[in-house]
Amino acid sequence: MPYRRTLHPPTLSEELAEFFGIMIGDGSITRYQVVIALDSLTDIEFRTYITQLIMGLFSLPVALQFRKESRCAVITINSVELVGFLVKKWFTYGQ
């Protein structure tokens, strides 16, 4: 069973709206994870920005993986609480 990290949901803000936009464009969720996929070569600065945005909004650790065969950088947040927060905000699994 995944370890549950306590999530203190952020208040509505421009940063949260930006995170929602990033999720709509590049993100998806499963029961246990939030995943954002980016181009590993052209999105280097954006990747750093997103990582800092997530840590600032949710105070959760972020994992970064690279898939060299597809030039993909994957940002992963393992948090059932964050998934639940996003589902309450009208996101759906696989989105």
C-alpha atoms as a PDB file:
ATOM      1  CA  MET A   1       0.000   0.000   0.000  1.00  0.00           C
ATOM      2  CA  PRO A   2       1.404   3.418  -0.911  1.00  0.00           C
ATOM      3  CA  TYR A   3       2.558   5.716   1.856  1.00  0.00           C
ATOM      4  CA  ARG A   4       0.157   8.649   2.251  1.00  0.00           C
ATOM      5  CA  ARG A   5       1.738  12.062   2.526  1.00  0.00           C
ATOM      6  CA  THR A   6      -0.483  14.678   4.087  1.00  0.00           C
ATOM      7  CA  LEU A   7      -1.457  17.256   1.503  1.00  0.00           C
ATOM      8  CA  HIS A   8      -2.359  20.773   2.509  1.00  0.00           C
ATOM      9  CA  PRO A   9      -4.345  21.937  -0.522  1.00  0.00           C
ATOM     10  CA  PRO A  10      -3.234  25.334  -1.784  1.00  0.00           C
ATOM     11  CA  THR A  11      -5.638  28.211  -2.030  1.00  0.00           C
ATOM     12  CA  LEU A  12      -6.779  29.383  -5.429  1.00  0.00           C
ATOM     13  CA  SER A  13      -3.971  31.346  -7.038  1.00  0.00           C
ATOM     14  CA  GLU A  14      -2.316  32.089 -10.360  1.00  0.00           C
ATOM     15  CA  GLU A  15       0.266  29.392  -9.586  1.00  0.00           C
ATOM     16  CA  LEU A  16      -2.438  26.779  -9.016  1.00  0.00           C
ATOM     17  CA  ALA A  17      -4.207  27.840 -12.227  1.00  0.00           C
ATOM     18  CA  GLU A  18      -0.911  27.478 -14.079  1.00  0.00           C
ATOM     19  CA  PHE A  19      -0.411  23.998 -12.632  1.00  0.00           C
ATOM     20  CA  PHE A  20      -3.921  23.044 -13.794  1.00  0.00           C
ATOM     21  CA  GLY A  21      -3.063  24.316 -17.290  1.00  0.00           C
ATOM     22  CA  ILE A  22       0.140  22.267 -17.323  1.00  0.00           C
ATOM     23  CA  MET A  23      -1.848  19.205 -16.257  1.00  0.00           C
ATOM     24  CA  ILE A  24      -4.409  19.742 -19.012  1.00  0.00           C
ATOM     25  CA  GLY A  25      -1.686  20.096 -21.644  1.00  0.00           C
ATOM     26  CA  ASP A  26       1.026  17.657 -20.551  1.00  0.00           C
ATOM     27  CA  GLY A  27      -0.246  15.725 -17.543  1.00  0.00           C
ATOM     28  CA  SER A  28      -2.108  12.603 -16.570  1.00  0.00           C
ATOM     29  CA  ILE A  29      -3.155  10.921 -13.347  1.00  0.00           C
ATOM     30  CA  THR A  30      -3.503   7.358 -12.131  1.00  0.00           C
ATOM     31  CA  ARG A  31      -4.809   6.153  -8.780  1.00  0.00           C
ATOM     32  CA  TYR A  32      -1.442   6.818  -7.145  1.00  0.00           C
ATOM     33  CA  GLN A  33       0.508   9.230  -9.346  1.00  0.00           C
ATOM     34  CA  VAL A  34       0.505  12.521 -11.147  1.00  0.00           C
ATOM     35  CA  VAL A  35       2.677  12.472 -14.277  1.00  0.00           C
ATOM     36  CA  ILE A  36       3.805  15.309 -16.545  1.00  0.00           C
ATOM     37  CA  ALA A  37       5.680  14.459 -19.761  1.00  0.00           C
ATOM     38  CA  LEU A  38       7.958  16.969 -21.494  1.00  0.00           C
ATOM     39  CA  ASP A  39      10.586  17.070 -24.230  1.00  0.00           C
ATOM     40  CA  SER A  40      13.903  16.302 -22.522  1.00  0.00           C
ATOM     41  CA  LEU A  41      15.922  18.597 -24.805  1.00  0.00           C
ATOM     42  CA  THR A  42      13.762  21.651 -25.466  1.00  0.00           C
ATOM     43  CA  ASP A  43      11.925  21.888 -22.119  1.00  0.00           C
ATOM     44  CA  ILE A  44      14.899  21.981 -19.736  1.00  0.00           C
ATOM     45  CA  GLU A  45      14.062  25.357 -18.158  1.00  0.00           C
ATOM     46  CA  PHE A  46      10.331  24.595 -18.151  1.00  0.00           C
ATOM     47  CA  ARG A  47      11.011  21.277 -16.391  1.00  0.00           C
ATOM     48  CA  THR A  48      12.881  23.085 -13.625  1.00  0.00           C
ATOM     49  CA  TYR A  49      10.084  25.654 -13.344  1.00  0.00           C
ATOM     50  CA  ILE A  50       7.385  22.959 -13.093  1.00  0.00           C
ATOM     51  CA  THR A  51       9.338  21.065 -10.437  1.00  0.00           C
ATOM     52  CA  GLN A  52       9.689  24.212  -8.317  1.00  0.00           C
ATOM     53  CA  LEU A  53       6.024  25.090  -8.895  1.00  0.00           C
ATOM     54  CA  ILE A  54       4.868  21.668  -7.664  1.00  0.00           C
ATOM     55  CA  MET A  55       7.115  21.733  -4.615  1.00  0.00           C
ATOM     56  CA  GLY A  56       5.964  25.273  -3.789  1.00  0.00           C
ATOM     57  CA  LEU A  57       2.270  24.476  -4.180  1.00  0.00           C
ATOM     58  CA  PHE A  58       2.099  21.050  -2.584  1.00  0.00           C
ATOM     59  CA  SER A  59       5.365  20.509  -0.627  1.00  0.00           C
ATOM     60  CA  LEU A  60       5.665  17.051  -2.177  1.00  0.00           C
ATOM     61  CA  PRO A  61       8.795  15.359  -3.529  1.00  0.00           C
ATOM     62  CA  VAL A  62       9.099  15.156  -7.287  1.00  0.00           C
ATOM     63  CA  ALA A  63      10.832  12.378  -9.258  1.00  0.00           C
ATOM     64  CA  LEU A  64      12.373  12.982 -12.673  1.00  0.00           C
ATOM     65  CA  GLN A  65      13.030  10.241 -15.230  1.00  0.00           C
ATOM     66  CA  PHE A  66      14.408  10.390 -18.742  1.00  0.00           C
ATOM     67  CA  ARG A  67      13.440   8.180 -21.664  1.00  0.00           C
ATOM     68  CA  LYS A  68      16.282   8.677 -24.104  1.00  0.00           C
ATOM     69  CA  GLU A  69      14.722   6.629 -26.879  1.00  0.00           C
ATOM     70  CA  SER A  70      11.821   9.084 -27.078  1.00  0.00           C
ATOM     71  CA  ARG A  71      13.460  12.337 -25.850  1.00  0.00           C
ATOM     72  CA  CYS A  72      10.967  12.386 -23.022  1.00  0.00           C
ATOM     73  CA  ALA A  73      11.417  13.761 -19.505  1.00  0.00           C
ATOM     74  CA  VAL A  74       8.799  12.544 -17.047  1.00  0.00           C
ATOM     75  CA  ILE A  75       7.996  14.373 -13.827  1.00  0.00           C
ATOM     76  CA  THR A  76       6.231  12.082 -11.345  1.00  0.00           C
ATOM     77  CA  ILE A  77       4.555  12.901  -8.039  1.00  0.00           C
ATOM     78  CA  ASN A  78       3.560   9.828  -6.032  1.00  0.00           C
ATOM     79  CA  SER A  79       0.654  11.042  -3.925  1.00  0.00           C
ATOM     80  CA  VAL A  80      -2.805   9.570  -3.459  1.00  0.00           C
ATOM     81  CA  GLU A  81      -3.748  12.809  -1.719  1.00  0.00           C
ATOM     82  CA  LEU A  82      -2.753  14.938  -4.718  1.00  0.00           C
ATOM     83  CA  VAL A  83      -4.652  12.622  -7.053  1.00  0.00           C
ATOM     84  CA  GLY A  84      -7.724  12.994  -4.833  1.00  0.00           C
ATOM     85  CA  PHE A  85      -7.344  16.768  -4.825  1.00  0.00           C
ATOM     86  CA  LEU A  86      -7.192  16.836  -8.628  1.00  0.00           C
ATOM     87  CA  VAL A  87     -10.193  14.521  -8.994  1.00  0.00           C
ATOM     88  CA  LYS A  88     -12.186  16.868  -6.745  1.00  0.00           C
ATOM     89  CA  LYS A  89     -11.169  19.679  -9.112  1.00  0.00           C
ATOM     90  CA  TRP A  90     -12.727  17.843 -12.119  1.00  0.00           C
ATOM     91  CA  PHE A  91      -9.655  16.008 -13.415  1.00  0.00           C
ATOM     92  CA  THR A  92     -10.148  12.385 -14.414  1.00  0.00           C
ATOM     93  CA  TYR A  93      -7.861   9.369 -14.511  1.00  0.00           C
ATOM     94  CA  GLY A  94      -5.771   9.161 -17.653  1.00  0.00           C
ATOM     95  CA  GLN A  95      -6.263  12.849 -18.419  1.00  0.00           C
END
